[in-house]
Amino acid sequence: MTEANVRYSREDLSEFDQIIQEKLVAARRELSFIKETLTRRNDSGTDNTASSAKVLEDGADTAEKESMNQLASRQMKFIQQLENAQVRIKNGTYGVCIGTGKLIPKDRLRAVPHTQHSIEAKMARRD
């Protein structure tokens, strides 16, 4: 197998880097929105009334905060995966399946640019 068969060209890597950059901008914007929403929720509610409706509201608020924290955590993980993909572009290992050693198809990388597995390897892991 030649080097050309196991690596994408600079032009291809440039295309993937652009896709990743766009996804990073959108992901960081969404994370910022989530964090702002959490901050606003923490700032509100300075009124300490002891009604039963307030207790129910507090429970709903807590559940919503937990949900927002999970969203933020997933978004941070996604951002980290995208940044790791950029590192792989720079060191020349981007697009090579860590399970099979073969090139991941371009269509898959365009859809999931942070992936490190081909569909073949992903399906084999599930079995």
C-alpha atoms as a PDB file:
ATOM      1  CA  MET A   1       0.000   0.000   0.000  1.00  0.00           C
ATOM      2  CA  THR A   2       1.454   3.358  -0.957  1.00  0.00           C
ATOM      3  CA  GLU A   3       1.434   6.517   1.134  1.00  0.00           C
ATOM      4  CA  ALA A   4      -1.190   8.019  -1.203  1.00  0.00           C
ATOM      5  CA  ASN A   5      -3.614   5.205  -0.346  1.00  0.00           C
ATOM      6  CA  VAL A   6      -3.541   5.838   3.388  1.00  0.00           C
ATOM      7  CA  ARG A   7      -3.638   9.634   3.534  1.00  0.00           C
ATOM      8  CA  TYR A   8      -5.837  12.364   2.153  1.00  0.00           C
ATOM      9  CA  SER A   9      -4.365  15.086  -0.053  1.00  0.00           C
ATOM     10  CA  ARG A  10      -3.686  18.572   1.258  1.00  0.00           C
ATOM     11  CA  GLU A  11      -6.683  19.831  -0.721  1.00  0.00           C
ATOM     12  CA  ASP A  12      -8.947  17.261   0.919  1.00  0.00           C
ATOM     13  CA  LEU A  13      -7.547  18.056   4.362  1.00  0.00           C
ATOM     14  CA  SER A  14      -8.116  21.745   3.718  1.00  0.00           C
ATOM     15  CA  GLU A  15     -11.774  21.031   2.873  1.00  0.00           C
ATOM     16  CA  PHE A  16     -12.204  18.996   6.064  1.00  0.00           C
ATOM     17  CA  ASP A  17     -10.466  21.676   8.123  1.00  0.00           C
ATOM     18  CA  GLN A  18     -12.937  24.259   6.775  1.00  0.00           C
ATOM     19  CA  ILE A  19     -15.885  22.014   7.707  1.00  0.00           C
ATOM     20  CA  ILE A  20     -14.457  21.554  11.197  1.00  0.00           C
ATOM     21  CA  GLN A  21     -13.860  25.301  11.593  1.00  0.00           C
ATOM     22  CA  GLU A  22     -17.498  26.019  10.718  1.00  0.00           C
ATOM     23  CA  LYS A  23     -18.734  23.368  13.150  1.00  0.00           C
ATOM     24  CA  LEU A  24     -16.440  24.740  15.874  1.00  0.00           C
ATOM     25  CA  VAL A  25     -17.812  28.257  15.465  1.00  0.00           C
ATOM     26  CA  ALA A  26     -21.396  26.979  15.679  1.00  0.00           C
ATOM     27  CA  ALA A  27     -20.621  24.675  18.636  1.00  0.00           C
ATOM     28  CA  ARG A  28     -18.860  27.426  20.586  1.00  0.00           C
ATOM     29  CA  ARG A  29     -21.753  29.799  19.913  1.00  0.00           C
ATOM     30  CA  GLU A  30     -24.227  27.197  21.180  1.00  0.00           C
ATOM     31  CA  LEU A  31     -22.110  26.494  24.277  1.00  0.00           C
ATOM     32  CA  SER A  32     -21.961  30.205  25.010  1.00  0.00           C
ATOM     33  CA  PHE A  33     -25.754  30.416  24.727  1.00  0.00           C
ATOM     34  CA  ILE A  34     -26.186  27.458  27.099  1.00  0.00           C
ATOM     35  CA  LYS A  35     -23.806  29.011  29.633  1.00  0.00           C
ATOM     36  CA  GLU A  36     -25.599  32.371  29.409  1.00  0.00           C
ATOM     37  CA  THR A  37     -28.930  30.628  29.957  1.00  0.00           C
ATOM     38  CA  LEU A  38     -27.565  28.860  33.029  1.00  0.00           C
ATOM     39  CA  THR A  39     -26.146  32.119  34.384  1.00  0.00           C
ATOM     40  CA  ARG A  40     -29.455  33.938  33.904  1.00  0.00           C
ATOM     41  CA  ARG A  41     -31.312  31.116  35.659  1.00  0.00           C
ATOM     42  CA  ASN A  42     -28.926  31.340  38.604  1.00  0.00           C
ATOM     43  CA  ASP A  43     -29.396  35.113  38.820  1.00  0.00           C
ATOM     44  CA  SER A  44     -33.187  34.982  38.897  1.00  0.00           C
ATOM     45  CA  GLY A  45     -35.239  33.770  41.796  1.00  0.00           C
ATOM     46  CA  THR A  46     -33.987  36.066  44.549  1.00  0.00           C
ATOM     47  CA  ASP A  47     -37.511  36.174  45.926  1.00  0.00           C
ATOM     48  CA  ASN A  48     -37.686  33.561  48.719  1.00  0.00           C
ATOM     49  CA  THR A  49     -41.387  32.891  49.130  1.00  0.00           C
ATOM     50  CA  ALA A  50     -42.346  29.651  50.846  1.00  0.00           C
ATOM     51  CA  SER A  51     -45.422  28.644  48.856  1.00  0.00           C
ATOM     52  CA  SER A  52     -45.928  25.090  47.630  1.00  0.00           C
ATOM     53  CA  ALA A  53     -45.984  26.367  44.050  1.00  0.00           C
ATOM     54  CA  LYS A  54     -42.492  27.738  44.606  1.00  0.00           C
ATOM     55  CA  VAL A  55     -41.284  24.312  45.753  1.00  0.00           C
ATOM     56  CA  LEU A  56     -42.632  22.724  42.565  1.00  0.00           C
ATOM     57  CA  GLU A  57     -41.033  25.469  40.508  1.00  0.00           C
ATOM     58  CA  ASP A  58     -37.712  24.899  42.246  1.00  0.00           C
ATOM     59  CA  GLY A  59     -37.883  21.192  41.370  1.00  0.00           C
ATOM     60  CA  ALA A  60     -38.582  21.984  37.735  1.00  0.00           C
ATOM     61  CA  ASP A  61     -35.808  24.568  37.727  1.00  0.00           C
ATOM     62  CA  THR A  62     -33.369  22.039  39.176  1.00  0.00           C
ATOM     63  CA  ALA A  63     -34.297  19.453  36.535  1.00  0.00           C
ATOM     64  CA  GLU A  64     -33.903  22.045  33.792  1.00  0.00           C
ATOM     65  CA  LYS A  65     -30.509  23.144  35.145  1.00  0.00           C
ATOM     66  CA  GLU A  66     -29.338  19.530  35.191  1.00  0.00           C
ATOM     67  CA  SER A  67     -30.499  19.120  31.614  1.00  0.00           C
ATOM     68  CA  MET A  68     -28.730  22.322  30.555  1.00  0.00           C
ATOM     69  CA  ASN A  69     -25.562  21.204  32.340  1.00  0.00           C
ATOM     70  CA  GLN A  70     -25.676  17.903  30.448  1.00  0.00           C
ATOM     71  CA  LEU A  71     -26.120  19.803  27.173  1.00  0.00           C
ATOM     72  CA  ALA A  72     -23.146  22.006  28.039  1.00  0.00           C
ATOM     73  CA  SER A  73     -21.053  18.958  28.909  1.00  0.00           C
ATOM     74  CA  ARG A  74     -21.913  17.239  25.616  1.00  0.00           C
ATOM     75  CA  GLN A  75     -21.175  20.421  23.702  1.00  0.00           C
ATOM     76  CA  MET A  76     -17.765  20.764  25.386  1.00  0.00           C
ATOM     77  CA  LYS A  77     -16.984  17.139  24.519  1.00  0.00           C
ATOM     78  CA  PHE A  78     -18.017  17.773  20.894  1.00  0.00           C
ATOM     79  CA  ILE A  79     -15.778  20.863  20.744  1.00  0.00           C
ATOM     80  CA  GLN A  80     -12.873  18.830  22.143  1.00  0.00           C
ATOM     81  CA  GLN A  81     -13.447  16.130  19.517  1.00  0.00           C
ATOM     82  CA  LEU A  82     -13.442  18.741  16.743  1.00  0.00           C
ATOM     83  CA  GLU A  83     -10.240  20.292  18.102  1.00  0.00           C
ATOM     84  CA  ASN A  84      -8.652  16.822  18.249  1.00  0.00           C
ATOM     85  CA  ALA A  85      -9.640  16.321  14.602  1.00  0.00           C
ATOM     86  CA  GLN A  86      -7.788  19.546  13.740  1.00  0.00           C
ATOM     87  CA  VAL A  87      -4.694  18.152  15.467  1.00  0.00           C
ATOM     88  CA  ARG A  88      -5.001  14.986  13.361  1.00  0.00           C
ATOM     89  CA  ILE A  89      -5.212  17.147  10.226  1.00  0.00           C
ATOM     90  CA  LYS A  90      -1.996  18.919  11.230  1.00  0.00           C
ATOM     91  CA  ASN A  91      -0.122  15.695  12.017  1.00  0.00           C
ATOM     92  CA  GLY A  92      -1.376  13.893   8.914  1.00  0.00           C
ATOM     93  CA  THR A  93      -3.435  11.144  10.554  1.00  0.00           C
ATOM     94  CA  TYR A  94      -6.871  12.627   9.853  1.00  0.00           C
ATOM     95  CA  GLY A  95      -9.289  10.417   7.988  1.00  0.00           C
ATOM     96  CA  VAL A  96      -7.514   7.139   8.777  1.00  0.00           C
ATOM     97  CA  CYS A  97      -9.707   4.676  10.670  1.00  0.00           C
ATOM     98  CA  ILE A  98      -8.112   3.650  13.950  1.00  0.00           C
ATOM     99  CA  GLY A  99      -9.865   0.286  13.718  1.00  0.00           C
ATOM    100  CA  THR A 100      -9.032  -0.781  10.186  1.00  0.00           C
ATOM    101  CA  GLY A 101      -6.173   1.515   9.158  1.00  0.00           C
ATOM    102  CA  LYS A 102      -8.058   2.347   5.957  1.00  0.00           C
ATOM    103  CA  LEU A 103      -9.214   5.754   4.786  1.00  0.00           C
ATOM    104  CA  ILE A 104     -12.616   6.756   6.103  1.00  0.00           C
ATOM    105  CA  PRO A 105     -14.879   7.646   3.148  1.00  0.00           C
ATOM    106  CA  LYS A 106     -15.122  11.376   2.411  1.00  0.00           C
ATOM    107  CA  ASP A 107     -18.914  11.363   2.704  1.00  0.00           C
ATOM    108  CA  ARG A 108     -18.660  10.044   6.266  1.00  0.00           C
ATOM    109  CA  LEU A 109     -16.043  12.645   7.174  1.00  0.00           C
ATOM    110  CA  ARG A 110     -18.185  15.412   5.725  1.00  0.00           C
ATOM    111  CA  ALA A 111     -21.128  14.245   7.840  1.00  0.00           C
ATOM    112  CA  VAL A 112     -19.131  13.451  11.005  1.00  0.00           C
ATOM    113  CA  PRO A 113     -15.808  15.288  10.639  1.00  0.00           C
ATOM    114  CA  HIS A 114     -14.560  14.326  14.103  1.00  0.00           C
ATOM    115  CA  THR A 115     -14.959  10.566  13.596  1.00  0.00           C
ATOM    116  CA  GLN A 116     -12.005   8.225  13.878  1.00  0.00           C
ATOM    117  CA  HIS A 117     -13.891   5.124  12.730  1.00  0.00           C
ATOM    118  CA  SER A 118     -15.192   3.930   9.397  1.00  0.00           C
ATOM    119  CA  ILE A 119     -18.695   2.480   9.348  1.00  0.00           C
ATOM    120  CA  GLU A 120     -17.079  -0.955   9.025  1.00  0.00           C
ATOM    121  CA  ALA A 121     -15.084  -0.481  12.241  1.00  0.00           C
ATOM    122  CA  LYS A 122     -18.035   1.117  14.059  1.00  0.00           C
ATOM    123  CA  MET A 123     -20.282  -1.842  13.237  1.00  0.00           C
ATOM    124  CA  ALA A 124     -17.591  -4.311  14.313  1.00  0.00           C
ATOM    125  CA  ARG A 125     -17.345  -2.579  17.707  1.00  0.00           C
ATOM    126  CA  ARG A 126     -21.085  -3.017  18.300  1.00  0.00           C
ATOM    127  CA  ASP A 127     -21.012  -6.774  17.759  1.00  0.00           C
END
